[in-house]
Amino acid sequence: MVTDGWQQARDKAVRLWRQFRPESAVAVAAELDSARVAVVAARASGTPIDEEALRVEWGRRIGELLASHRDAEPALRAVLADWEATSGAQTVHGNLHLEAHATDSSRVYQAGRDQHITER
């Protein structure tokens, strides 16, 4: 939910709902946005959030969509394949120069791509 491909994945998920459950599409979009805001805020503040519970919940909701609309399976598979292709293909292009100076007991964290730091 916090990757660069989030907006594309979100839009594709909302399109699925719009196609197979149009009455729920606006609510699904809002709920996805709220979940993302919660995850981003929690990560930024270091507040624990159960991201696995979010994955389970959305997996359940997708499962319900498929159970009630078996014809949604090819569309869902296409969305997942596209999402996996784009999320796995993220690369840094061009030159990257990182420089940091730490003094005393300070810490420096640098990354050319994704970085996840958990300190307590």
Protein backbone atom coordinates (compact mmCIF):
# COMPACT_ATOMS: atom_id res chain seq x y z
CA MET A 1 0.00 0.00 0.00
CA VAL A 2 2.94 2.31 0.22
CA THR A 3 4.71 1.56 -3.06
CA ASP A 4 4.85 3.69 -6.19
CA GLY A 5 2.50 1.29 -7.93
CA TRP A 6 -0.21 1.76 -5.29
CA GLN A 7 -2.35 4.18 -7.30
CA GLN A 8 -2.38 1.88 -10.33
CA ALA A 9 -3.23 -1.17 -8.22
CA ARG A 10 -5.96 0.77 -6.40
CA ASP A 11 -7.49 2.04 -9.64
CA LYS A 12 -7.53 -1.46 -11.13
CA ALA A 13 -9.16 -2.91 -8.02
CA VAL A 14 -11.82 -0.19 -8.09
CA ARG A 15 -12.42 -0.93 -11.78
CA LEU A 16 -13.08 -4.57 -10.89
CA TRP A 17 -15.66 -3.51 -8.33
CA ARG A 18 -17.15 -1.00 -10.75
CA GLN A 19 -17.51 -3.79 -13.32
CA PHE A 20 -18.90 -6.53 -11.06
CA ARG A 21 -20.36 -4.66 -8.05
CA PRO A 22 -20.91 -1.08 -9.20
CA GLU A 23 -22.98 -0.21 -6.13
CA SER A 24 -19.90 -0.80 -3.93
CA ALA A 25 -17.18 0.79 -6.07
CA VAL A 26 -17.19 4.22 -4.41
CA ALA A 27 -17.10 2.68 -0.93
CA VAL A 28 -14.26 0.30 -1.92
CA ALA A 29 -12.23 3.22 -3.29
CA ALA A 30 -12.71 5.17 -0.05
CA GLU A 31 -11.85 2.15 2.11
CA LEU A 32 -8.69 1.42 0.12
CA ASP A 33 -7.64 5.07 0.46
CA SER A 34 -8.33 5.04 4.21
CA ALA A 35 -6.33 1.84 4.66
CA ARG A 36 -3.40 3.32 2.78
CA VAL A 37 -3.47 6.52 4.84
CA ALA A 38 -3.47 4.44 8.04
CA VAL A 39 -0.52 2.31 6.90
CA VAL A 40 1.54 5.31 5.73
CA ALA A 41 0.84 7.23 8.95
CA ALA A 42 1.66 4.22 11.12
CA ARG A 43 4.93 3.59 9.34
CA ALA A 44 5.91 7.25 9.50
CA SER A 45 5.21 7.50 13.23
CA GLY A 46 6.48 4.05 14.16
CA THR A 47 3.06 3.10 15.47
CA PRO A 48 2.30 -0.60 15.09
CA ILE A 49 -0.45 -1.49 12.64
CA ASP A 50 -1.54 -4.97 11.68
CA GLU A 51 -0.81 -4.91 7.95
CA GLU A 52 -1.34 -8.66 7.73
CA ALA A 53 -4.92 -8.15 8.96
CA LEU A 54 -5.46 -5.66 6.14
CA ARG A 55 -4.14 -8.16 3.59
CA VAL A 56 -6.39 -10.87 5.00
CA GLU A 57 -9.42 -8.56 4.95
CA TRP A 58 -8.89 -7.52 1.33
CA GLY A 59 -8.20 -11.12 0.36
CA ARG A 60 -11.52 -12.07 1.93
CA ARG A 61 -13.31 -9.29 0.07
CA ILE A 62 -11.77 -10.33 -3.25
CA GLY A 63 -12.75 -13.92 -2.47
CA GLU A 64 -16.35 -12.82 -1.90
CA LEU A 65 -16.31 -10.95 -5.20
CA LEU A 66 -15.08 -14.07 -6.98
CA ALA A 67 -17.57 -16.32 -5.20
CA SER A 68 -20.49 -14.19 -6.35
CA HIS A 69 -19.07 -13.41 -9.82
CA ARG A 70 -17.12 -16.35 -11.21
CA ASP A 71 -16.73 -14.43 -14.46
CA ALA A 72 -14.54 -11.92 -12.57
CA GLU A 73 -11.67 -14.41 -12.32
CA PRO A 74 -10.00 -13.63 -15.69
CA ALA A 75 -10.18 -9.90 -15.00
CA LEU A 76 -8.73 -10.36 -11.51
CA ARG A 77 -5.93 -12.59 -12.83
CA ALA A 78 -5.07 -9.93 -15.42
CA VAL A 79 -4.95 -7.22 -12.74
CA LEU A 80 -2.76 -9.36 -10.47
CA ALA A 81 -0.39 -10.30 -13.30
CA ASP A 82 -0.07 -6.67 -14.35
CA TRP A 83 0.49 -5.56 -10.76
CA GLU A 84 3.14 -8.22 -10.15
CA ALA A 85 4.92 -7.30 -13.37
CA THR A 86 5.04 -3.60 -12.53
CA SER A 87 5.80 -3.95 -8.81
CA GLY A 88 8.64 -6.40 -9.41
CA ALA A 89 10.13 -4.34 -12.19
CA GLN A 90 10.79 -1.17 -10.21
CA THR A 91 14.34 -0.08 -10.78
CA VAL A 92 16.43 3.02 -10.27
CA HIS A 93 17.58 4.61 -13.51
CA GLY A 94 20.38 7.11 -13.87
CA ASN A 95 23.07 8.08 -11.43
CA LEU A 96 22.63 7.91 -7.71
CA HIS A 97 24.87 9.73 -5.30
CA LEU A 98 24.32 9.45 -1.57
CA GLU A 99 26.32 11.34 0.98
CA ALA A 100 25.80 11.60 4.71
CA HIS A 101 27.65 12.90 7.69
CA ALA A 102 26.89 11.65 11.19
CA THR A 103 28.24 13.03 14.42
CA ASP A 104 28.17 11.84 18.00
CA SER A 105 25.52 9.13 18.41
CA SER A 106 23.41 10.06 15.40
CA ARG A 107 22.42 7.51 12.78
CA VAL A 108 22.23 7.72 9.02
CA TYR A 109 20.04 5.52 6.87
CA GLN A 110 20.39 5.68 3.11
CA ALA A 111 18.93 3.61 0.34
CA GLY A 112 18.77 3.68 -3.41
CA ARG A 113 15.41 1.96 -3.30
CA ASP A 114 13.04 0.53 -0.69
CA GLN A 115 14.16 0.77 2.89
CA HIS A 116 12.36 -0.53 5.93
CA ILE A 117 13.67 0.31 9.37
CA THR A 118 12.14 -0.97 12.56
CA GLU A 119 13.61 0.43 15.73
CA ARG A 120 12.14 0.36 19.18
